[in-house]
N, C-alpha and C. Protein backbone atom coordinates (compact mmCIF):
# COMPACT_ATOMS: atom_id res chain seq x y z
N MET A 1 -7.64 -16.72 -22.66
CA MET A 1 -7.76 -14.14 -21.67
C MET A 1 -7.79 -14.66 -20.98
N SER A 2 -6.50 -13.55 -21.15
CA SER A 2 -6.05 -12.96 -19.90
C SER A 2 -5.37 -11.46 -19.98
N ALA A 3 -5.66 -11.01 -18.27
CA ALA A 3 -6.23 -9.60 -18.67
C ALA A 3 -5.02 -9.45 -17.69
N ASP A 4 -4.64 -8.02 -18.32
CA ASP A 4 -3.15 -7.78 -17.64
C ASP A 4 -3.38 -6.18 -17.75
N ILE A 5 -3.71 -5.72 -16.23
CA ILE A 5 -3.93 -4.14 -15.88
C ILE A 5 -2.41 -3.95 -15.32
N LYS A 6 -2.04 -2.71 -15.15
CA LYS A 6 -1.33 -1.88 -14.29
C LYS A 6 -1.55 -0.27 -14.53
N PHE A 7 -0.98 0.06 -13.21
CA PHE A 7 -1.70 1.40 -12.93
C PHE A 7 -0.22 1.60 -13.26
N ASN A 8 -0.18 3.22 -13.22
CA ASN A 8 0.56 4.13 -13.30
C ASN A 8 1.10 4.59 -11.90
N MET A 9 2.10 3.89 -11.63
CA MET A 9 2.46 4.11 -9.94
C MET A 9 3.66 5.31 -9.21
N ALA A 10 4.24 5.87 -11.08
CA ALA A 10 4.42 6.72 -11.07
C ALA A 10 4.71 8.35 -10.44
N ASP A 11 3.70 8.53 -10.48
CA ASP A 11 3.66 9.85 -9.05
C ASP A 11 2.64 9.04 -7.31
N PHE A 12 2.42 8.45 -7.25
CA PHE A 12 2.08 7.72 -6.34
C PHE A 12 3.84 7.08 -5.82
N ASN A 13 4.75 6.92 -6.13
CA ASN A 13 6.01 6.41 -5.56
C ASN A 13 6.76 8.08 -5.19
N ARG A 14 6.79 8.85 -6.52
CA ARG A 14 7.67 10.33 -5.90
C ARG A 14 7.23 10.28 -4.82
N GLN A 15 5.76 10.90 -4.90
CA GLN A 15 4.99 11.11 -3.16
C GLN A 15 6.04 10.52 -2.13
N LEU A 16 6.01 8.69 -2.16
CA LEU A 16 5.75 7.99 -1.28
C LEU A 16 8.11 8.43 -0.93
N SER A 17 8.57 8.95 -1.90
CA SER A 17 10.37 8.96 -2.30
C SER A 17 9.89 10.11 -0.82
N ALA A 18 9.35 11.50 -1.52
CA ALA A 18 9.29 12.33 -0.92
C ALA A 18 9.38 12.97 0.93
N VAL A 19 8.02 11.90 0.90
CA VAL A 19 7.87 11.53 2.30
C VAL A 19 8.53 10.95 3.43
N LYS A 20 8.92 9.92 2.88
CA LYS A 20 10.42 9.32 3.31
C LYS A 20 11.49 9.46 3.17
N ASN A 21 11.80 11.10 2.46
CA ASN A 21 12.86 11.60 3.05
C ASN A 21 12.41 13.09 3.25
N LEU A 22 11.51 13.72 3.72
CA LEU A 22 10.98 14.32 4.64
C LEU A 22 10.70 14.24 5.96
N ILE A 23 10.35 13.16 6.46
CA ILE A 23 10.03 12.60 7.73
C ILE A 23 11.55 11.93 8.09
N GLY A 24 12.83 11.63 6.97
CA GLY A 24 13.72 10.77 7.68
C GLY A 24 13.54 9.66 7.88
N ARG A 25 13.16 8.85 7.90
CA ARG A 25 12.71 7.26 8.04
C ARG A 25 13.87 6.58 7.16
N ASN A 26 14.11 5.61 7.57
CA ASN A 26 14.70 4.70 6.66
C ASN A 26 14.01 4.26 5.36
N GLY A 27 14.55 3.84 3.92
CA GLY A 27 13.19 4.28 3.67
C GLY A 27 12.61 2.83 2.95
N ALA A 28 13.28 1.57 3.34
CA ALA A 28 13.88 0.75 3.16
C ALA A 28 11.76 0.36 4.33
N SER A 29 11.79 0.59 5.47
CA SER A 29 10.84 0.72 7.11
C SER A 29 9.68 1.43 5.69
N TYR A 30 10.20 2.87 5.28
CA TYR A 30 8.87 3.38 5.27
C TYR A 30 8.42 2.87 4.20
N VAL A 31 8.83 2.61 2.73
CA VAL A 31 8.24 1.42 1.64
C VAL A 31 7.27 0.82 2.08
N ARG A 32 8.13 0.04 3.24
CA ARG A 32 7.47 -2.05 3.43
C ARG A 32 5.81 -1.67 4.26
N THR A 33 6.06 -0.23 5.26
CA THR A 33 4.74 0.18 5.66
C THR A 33 4.42 0.65 5.25
N THR A 34 4.09 1.80 4.16
CA THR A 34 3.25 1.70 2.88
C THR A 34 2.75 1.11 2.27
N ALA A 35 4.26 -0.14 2.03
CA ALA A 35 2.78 -0.87 0.93
C ALA A 35 2.09 -1.96 1.73
N ARG A 36 2.49 -2.14 3.38
CA ARG A 36 1.82 -3.10 3.25
C ARG A 36 -0.02 -2.20 3.87
N ARG A 37 -0.30 -0.74 3.80
CA ARG A 37 -1.37 -0.17 4.63
C ARG A 37 -1.83 0.20 2.77
N LEU A 38 -1.17 -0.19 2.13
CA LEU A 38 -1.35 -0.43 0.38
C LEU A 38 -2.37 -1.61 0.28
N ILE A 39 -1.95 -3.00 0.55
CA ILE A 39 -2.16 -4.60 0.75
C ILE A 39 -3.66 -4.18 1.64
N ARG A 40 -4.13 -3.56 2.75
CA ARG A 40 -4.83 -3.80 3.36
C ARG A 40 -5.93 -3.45 2.44
N ARG A 41 -5.66 -1.96 2.21
CA ARG A 41 -6.76 -1.05 1.87
C ARG A 41 -7.22 -1.36 0.29
N PHE A 42 -6.24 -1.97 -0.37
CA PHE A 42 -6.25 -2.78 -1.39
C PHE A 42 -7.63 -3.62 -0.94
N ALA A 43 -7.17 -4.87 0.33
CA ALA A 43 -8.03 -6.16 -0.01
C ALA A 43 -9.09 -5.50 0.59
N TRP A 44 -9.58 -4.26 1.50
CA TRP A 44 -10.59 -3.79 2.33
C TRP A 44 -11.35 -3.88 0.74
N ASN A 45 -10.99 -2.84 -0.35
CA ASN A 45 -11.77 -1.46 -0.97
C ASN A 45 -12.34 -2.41 -2.85
N ALA A 46 -11.51 -4.51 -2.44
CA ALA A 46 -11.30 -5.25 -3.96
C ALA A 46 -13.34 -5.22 -3.75
N PRO A 47 -14.09 -4.89 -4.76
CA PRO A 47 -15.17 -6.09 -5.02
C PRO A 47 -15.06 -6.89 -4.79
N ILE A 48 -16.72 -8.17 -3.72
CA ILE A 48 -16.71 -9.10 -4.15
C ILE A 48 -17.95 -9.36 -4.49
N ALA A 49 -18.00 -10.68 -4.80
CA ALA A 49 -18.43 -11.43 -5.83
C ALA A 49 -20.36 -11.41 -5.25
N LYS A 50 -20.98 -11.63 -4.92
CA LYS A 50 -22.48 -11.99 -4.56
C LYS A 50 -22.36 -12.85 -3.93
N GLY A 51 -22.98 -14.02 -3.04
CA GLY A 51 -22.74 -14.78 -2.16
C GLY A 51 -23.53 -15.72 -3.06
N GLY A 52 -23.20 -17.43 -2.82
CA GLY A 52 -22.88 -18.24 -3.62
C GLY A 52 -22.08 -18.48 -5.04
N TYR A 53 -21.52 -17.22 -5.37
CA TYR A 53 -20.52 -17.62 -6.66
C TYR A 53 -19.47 -17.87 -6.02
N ALA A 54 -18.81 -18.70 -7.44
CA ALA A 54 -17.48 -19.42 -7.12
C ALA A 54 -15.99 -18.81 -6.89
N ALA A 55 -16.36 -17.42 -7.05
CA ALA A 55 -15.11 -16.96 -7.44
C ALA A 55 -15.26 -15.59 -5.39
N ARG A 56 -16.30 -15.70 -5.70
CA ARG A 56 -15.98 -14.88 -4.32
C ARG A 56 -14.82 -14.58 -2.96
N GLY A 57 -14.29 -13.84 -3.37
CA GLY A 57 -13.10 -13.46 -2.59
C GLY A 57 -11.92 -13.86 -3.18
N ARG A 58 -11.69 -14.26 -4.53
CA ARG A 58 -10.90 -14.30 -5.49
C ARG A 58 -10.32 -13.28 -5.13
N LEU A 59 -10.07 -12.80 -5.92
CA LEU A 59 -9.39 -10.62 -5.65
C LEU A 59 -9.04 -10.69 -4.96
N ARG A 60 -9.38 -10.40 -3.63
CA ARG A 60 -8.71 -10.22 -2.55
C ARG A 60 -7.64 -11.37 -2.01
N ALA A 61 -8.01 -13.26 -2.66
CA ALA A 61 -7.47 -14.05 -2.37
C ALA A 61 -5.52 -13.43 -3.26
N GLY A 62 -5.79 -13.17 -4.48
CA GLY A 62 -4.94 -12.63 -5.15
C GLY A 62 -3.45 -12.00 -4.64
N PHE A 63 -3.62 -10.74 -3.45
CA PHE A 63 -3.64 -10.31 -2.86
C PHE A 63 -2.06 -11.08 -2.15
N TRP A 64 -2.84 -12.31 -1.66
CA TRP A 64 -2.08 -12.95 -0.48
C TRP A 64 -0.85 -13.16 -0.58
N PRO A 65 -0.01 -13.41 -1.88
CA PRO A 65 1.47 -13.68 -2.05
C PRO A 65 2.40 -12.08 -1.41
N ALA A 66 1.70 -11.40 -1.41
CA ALA A 66 2.29 -9.53 -1.35
C ALA A 66 2.10 -10.37 0.58
N ALA A 67 0.73 -10.32 0.82
CA ALA A 67 0.50 -9.90 2.17
C ALA A 67 1.95 -10.06 3.15
N GLN A 68 1.79 -11.77 2.36
CA GLN A 68 2.79 -12.14 3.73
C GLN A 68 4.05 -12.35 3.13
N LEU A 69 4.45 -11.86 2.04
CA LEU A 69 6.30 -11.22 2.19
C LEU A 69 6.19 -10.08 3.50
N LEU A 70 5.08 -9.68 3.82
CA LEU A 70 5.13 -8.52 3.96
C LEU A 70 4.51 -8.95 5.77
N GLY A 71 4.15 -9.96 6.10
CA GLY A 71 3.96 -10.11 7.31
C GLY A 71 2.92 -10.43 7.67
N ILE A 72 1.68 -9.98 6.89
CA ILE A 72 0.52 -9.67 7.35
C ILE A 72 -0.58 -10.78 7.05
N SER A 73 -0.98 -11.19 7.76
CA SER A 73 -2.35 -12.74 8.03
C SER A 73 -3.58 -12.32 7.74
N ASN A 74 -3.85 -11.13 7.34
CA ASN A 74 -5.39 -10.86 7.33
C ASN A 74 -5.59 -9.92 5.66
N ILE A 75 -6.36 -10.73 4.85
CA ILE A 75 -6.21 -9.25 3.54
C ILE A 75 -8.38 -9.95 3.86
N TYR A 76 -9.08 -10.41 4.56
CA TYR A 76 -10.37 -9.98 4.79
C TYR A 76 -11.03 -11.27 3.14
N THR A 77 -9.76 -12.78 3.70
CA THR A 77 -11.44 -13.41 2.00
C THR A 77 -10.51 -14.67 3.53
N SER A 78 -11.10 -15.92 2.79
CA SER A 78 -11.14 -17.83 3.83
C SER A 78 -10.54 -18.07 2.04
N GLN A 79 -10.70 -17.44 0.76
CA GLN A 79 -9.95 -17.97 -0.24
C GLN A 79 -8.26 -18.37 -0.47
N ALA A 80 -7.68 -18.93 -0.60
CA ALA A 80 -6.51 -19.45 -1.21
C ALA A 80 -6.42 -18.55 -2.60
N ASN A 81 -5.16 -18.43 -2.25
CA ASN A 81 -4.37 -17.82 -3.86
C ASN A 81 -4.18 -19.15 -4.28
N LYS A 82 -4.73 -18.04 -6.13
CA LYS A 82 -4.28 -19.50 -6.90
C LYS A 82 -3.55 -18.83 -8.43
N ASP A 83 -2.60 -18.95 -7.17
CA ASP A 83 -1.45 -18.95 -7.79
C ASP A 83 -1.71 -17.11 -9.57
N GLU A 84 -2.86 -16.42 -8.54
CA GLU A 84 -2.88 -15.18 -8.99
C GLU A 84 -2.45 -13.69 -8.61
N GLY A 85 -1.36 -14.04 -7.50
CA GLY A 85 -0.67 -12.94 -7.49
C GLY A 85 0.86 -12.92 -6.79
N SER A 86 1.31 -12.25 -6.86
CA SER A 86 2.72 -11.83 -6.07
C SER A 86 3.02 -10.57 -5.45
N GLY A 87 4.04 -10.79 -5.12
CA GLY A 87 4.73 -10.07 -4.17
C GLY A 87 6.01 -9.53 -4.60
N GLN A 88 7.00 -8.65 -5.42
CA GLN A 88 9.07 -8.47 -5.10
C GLN A 88 9.19 -7.51 -3.78
N ASP A 89 9.36 -7.93 -2.81
CA ASP A 89 10.26 -7.19 -1.87
C ASP A 89 11.24 -6.98 -2.46
N GLN A 90 11.56 -4.95 -2.87
CA GLN A 90 13.23 -5.67 -3.72
C GLN A 90 13.44 -3.15 -2.43
N THR A 91 13.03 -4.00 -1.03
CA THR A 91 14.06 -2.56 -0.52
C THR A 91 15.12 -2.40 0.43
N ARG A 92 15.54 -4.11 -0.15
CA ARG A 92 17.26 -4.08 0.03
C ARG A 92 18.08 -3.16 -0.72
N GLY A 93 18.41 -1.92 -0.95
CA GLY A 93 18.55 -1.43 -1.82
C GLY A 93 18.45 0.28 -1.24
N ASN A 94 19.39 1.11 -3.01
CA ASN A 94 19.14 2.22 -3.39
C ASN A 94 17.89 2.92 -3.00
N SER A 95 17.20 2.55 -4.77
CA SER A 95 16.20 2.67 -4.24
C SER A 95 14.65 1.49 -4.32
N PRO A 96 14.41 2.23 -2.69
CA PRO A 96 13.78 -0.13 -1.83
C PRO A 96 12.44 0.91 -2.39
N ARG A 97 12.06 -0.89 -3.14
CA ARG A 97 10.31 -0.43 -3.75
C ARG A 97 9.92 -2.35 -3.44
N PHE A 98 8.79 -2.33 -3.32
CA PHE A 98 7.74 -3.49 -3.58
C PHE A 98 6.77 -3.32 -4.30
N THR A 99 7.03 -4.62 -4.68
CA THR A 99 5.40 -4.83 -6.23
C THR A 99 4.85 -5.60 -5.55
N ILE A 100 3.24 -4.81 -5.14
CA ILE A 100 2.04 -6.50 -5.71
C ILE A 100 1.73 -5.81 -6.75
N THR A 101 1.40 -7.58 -7.16
CA THR A 101 0.77 -8.07 -8.44
C THR A 101 -0.96 -8.74 -7.74
N ASN A 102 -2.20 -8.59 -8.57
CA ASN A 102 -2.96 -9.52 -8.51
C ASN A 102 -3.25 -9.64 -10.18
N ALA A 103 -3.55 -10.51 -10.35
CA ALA A 103 -3.08 -11.34 -12.42
C ALA A 103 -5.33 -11.42 -12.14
N VAL A 104 -5.20 -12.40 -10.86
CA VAL A 104 -7.47 -12.46 -10.86
C VAL A 104 -7.65 -11.88 -12.59
N PRO A 105 -8.34 -13.12 -13.22
CA PRO A 105 -7.85 -12.87 -14.57
C PRO A 105 -9.61 -11.83 -15.16
N TYR A 106 -10.33 -12.06 -13.55
CA TYR A 106 -11.54 -11.15 -14.51
C TYR A 106 -11.09 -9.68 -13.47
N ILE A 107 -10.28 -9.24 -13.15
CA ILE A 107 -9.69 -7.59 -13.17
C ILE A 107 -10.18 -6.52 -13.37
N GLY A 108 -9.73 -7.06 -15.18
CA GLY A 108 -10.25 -5.64 -15.92
C GLY A 108 -11.85 -5.24 -16.18
N ASN A 109 -12.59 -6.65 -15.81
CA ASN A 109 -14.47 -6.34 -16.43
C ASN A 109 -15.32 -6.36 -14.85
N LEU A 110 -14.81 -5.63 -14.15
CA LEU A 110 -15.08 -5.32 -12.50
C LEU A 110 -16.51 -3.75 -13.28
N LYS A 111 -17.75 -4.15 -12.27
CA LYS A 111 -19.23 -3.43 -12.24
C LYS A 111 -18.30 -1.96 -12.00
N GLY A 112 -17.68 -1.69 -11.30
CA GLY A 112 -17.30 -0.52 -10.66
C GLY A 112 -15.62 0.21 -11.34
N GLY A 113 -15.50 -0.67 -12.57
CA GLY A 113 -13.97 -0.58 -12.81
C GLY A 113 -12.94 -0.93 -11.99
N LEU A 114 -11.97 0.57 -11.75
CA LEU A 114 -10.32 0.40 -11.18
C LEU A 114 -11.02 1.51 -10.03
N SER A 115 -11.73 1.94 -9.43
CA SER A 115 -12.45 2.64 -8.42
C SER A 115 -12.16 2.44 -7.27
N TRP A 116 -12.22 0.79 -6.96
CA TRP A 116 -12.35 0.48 -5.56
C TRP A 116 -10.19 0.47 -4.52
N ALA A 117 -9.57 0.15 -6.14
CA ALA A 117 -8.35 0.67 -5.88
C ALA A 117 -7.33 2.03 -5.83
N GLU A 118 -8.29 3.09 -6.42
CA GLU A 118 -7.66 4.57 -6.39
C GLU A 118 -8.37 5.32 -5.10
N ASN A 119 -9.66 4.79 -4.89
CA ASN A 119 -10.11 5.27 -3.66
C ASN A 119 -8.76 4.47 -2.37
N ALA A 120 -7.95 3.25 -2.48
CA ALA A 120 -7.18 2.26 -1.50
C ALA A 120 -6.08 3.33 -1.44
N LEU A 121 -5.21 3.73 -3.21
CA LEU A 121 -4.31 4.98 -3.39
C LEU A 121 -4.91 6.64 -2.22
N ASN A 122 -5.55 6.57 -2.02
CA ASN A 122 -5.88 8.08 -2.00
C ASN A 122 -6.16 7.81 -0.31
N GLY A 123 -6.26 6.45 0.00
CA GLY A 123 -6.59 6.54 2.13
C GLY A 123 -5.35 6.48 2.39
N VAL A 124 -4.29 5.88 1.32
CA VAL A 124 -2.83 5.42 1.78
C VAL A 124 -2.33 7.37 1.67
N ARG A 125 -2.98 7.84 0.39
CA ARG A 125 -2.04 8.94 0.90
C ARG A 125 -1.74 9.68 1.51
N ALA A 126 -3.83 9.86 2.10
CA ALA A 126 -4.52 10.87 3.52
C ALA A 126 -3.54 9.67 4.40
N GLN A 127 -3.39 8.89 4.38
CA GLN A 127 -2.73 8.82 5.98
C GLN A 127 -0.41 9.00 5.64
N MET A 128 0.05 8.94 4.97
CA MET A 128 1.80 9.86 4.19
C MET A 128 1.29 11.01 4.61
N VAL A 129 0.19 12.50 4.53
CA VAL A 129 -0.75 13.51 4.66
C VAL A 129 0.20 12.95 6.91
N LYS A 130 -1.04 12.12 7.59
CA LYS A 130 -0.66 12.24 8.70
C LYS A 130 0.90 12.00 9.05
N ASP A 131 1.44 11.46 8.05
CA ASP A 131 2.59 10.57 8.46
C ASP A 131 4.15 12.13 8.61
N LEU A 132 3.53 12.96 7.21
CA LEU A 132 4.43 14.13 7.31
C LEU A 132 4.20 15.43 8.50
N MET A 133 2.67 15.35 8.90
CA MET A 133 1.91 16.36 9.71
C MET A 133 2.74 15.72 11.45
N LYS A 134 2.66 14.86 11.36
CA LYS A 134 3.29 13.99 13.10
C LYS A 134 4.20 14.54 13.03
N TYR A 135 5.40 14.56 11.82
CA TYR A 135 6.65 14.31 12.06
C TYR A 135 6.14 16.25 11.75
N ALA A 136 6.22 17.10 11.01
CA ALA A 136 6.73 18.59 11.37
C ALA A 136 5.86 18.89 12.80
N GLU A 137 4.67 18.09 13.43
CA GLU A 137 4.94 18.90 14.96
C GLU A 137 6.02 18.50 16.17
N SER A 138 6.42 17.04 15.35
CA SER A 138 7.69 16.50 16.60
C SER A 138 9.21 17.03 15.86
N SER A 139 9.30 17.50 15.32
CA SER A 139 9.88 18.34 14.85
C SER A 139 10.33 20.02 15.26
N TRP A 140 8.87 20.30 15.20
CA TRP A 140 8.58 22.35 15.65
C TRP A 140 8.70 21.64 17.04
N LYS A 141 8.23 21.01 17.52
CA LYS A 141 8.44 20.43 19.31
C LYS A 141 9.72 20.11 19.52
N ARG A 142 10.88 19.71 19.29
CA ARG A 142 12.08 19.66 19.24
C ARG A 142 12.71 21.10 18.84
N ASN A 143 12.64 21.16 18.01
CA ASN A 143 13.01 22.85 18.01
C ASN A 143 13.09 24.71 18.93
N GLU A 144 11.47 23.81 19.05
CA GLU A 144 11.20 24.77 20.33
C GLU A 144 11.44 24.34 21.84
N LEU A 145 11.99 23.42 21.70
CA LEU A 145 13.17 22.90 23.36
C LEU A 145 14.76 23.82 22.90
N ILE A 146 14.74 23.36 22.22
CA ILE A 146 16.40 23.50 21.49
C ILE A 146 16.16 25.44 21.58
N ASP A 147 15.24 26.21 21.36
CA ASP A 147 15.20 27.54 21.57
C ASP A 147 15.43 27.83 23.11
N ASP A 148 14.39 27.43 23.53
CA ASP A 148 13.92 27.35 24.68
C ASP A 148 15.25 27.15 25.74
N LEU A 149 15.71 25.71 25.23
CA LEU A 149 17.36 25.77 26.02
C LEU A 149 18.37 26.34 25.95
N SER A 150 18.65 27.15 25.18
CA SER A 150 19.80 28.05 24.69
C SER A 150 19.71 29.37 24.65
N ALA A 151 18.34 29.72 24.49
CA ALA A 151 18.17 31.11 25.16
C ALA A 151 18.08 31.63 26.41
N GLU A 152 19.37 32.81 26.44
CA GLU A 152 19.81 33.23 27.29
C GLU A 152 18.94 34.08 28.51
C-alpha cells in the first residue's frame, strides 16, 4: 500500500512569485532561499515517533535528498533516507521552482494529520512578509536620501 499526498501549492507559489518580483531579487536565488526555509521548517515541525519506535525520524529523513540539493546538512534526524524522498531543482529557467517530495508511507496516517506542514508553510509566509518589510524600509530610505540629495 502506498500513500500519495500532494499539497496544492498554487497559492503559496503565487505569493512567492509576487514577493520575488516586488523585492527585485533574482528568481532562482529567492526560490532556493525559500525552499531551504521550507525544508528546515518541514523537518523541524514533522512529528517524531515515540522512543524505541523503529521508524523514529523517518519522516524527517524523507527530506534528506531535497535538503542535500540545497546544501542543508541538518534536518534534525540521524535516520538515513530510504528512497522515500526526493528533490528537483528547476531554478534555472524563466519560471524557477523547487520540488520537495517526501513519500514516507505513513505520512497520510499521522495522528495530527498534516497540520505540521501547514504550520511550516505559514512560518515561511511570515518570513516572506519580513523580506517585503525589509525591502520596503530600505527602498523608502533610499528614496528619502535621493529626495534629500536632489532637493534645492
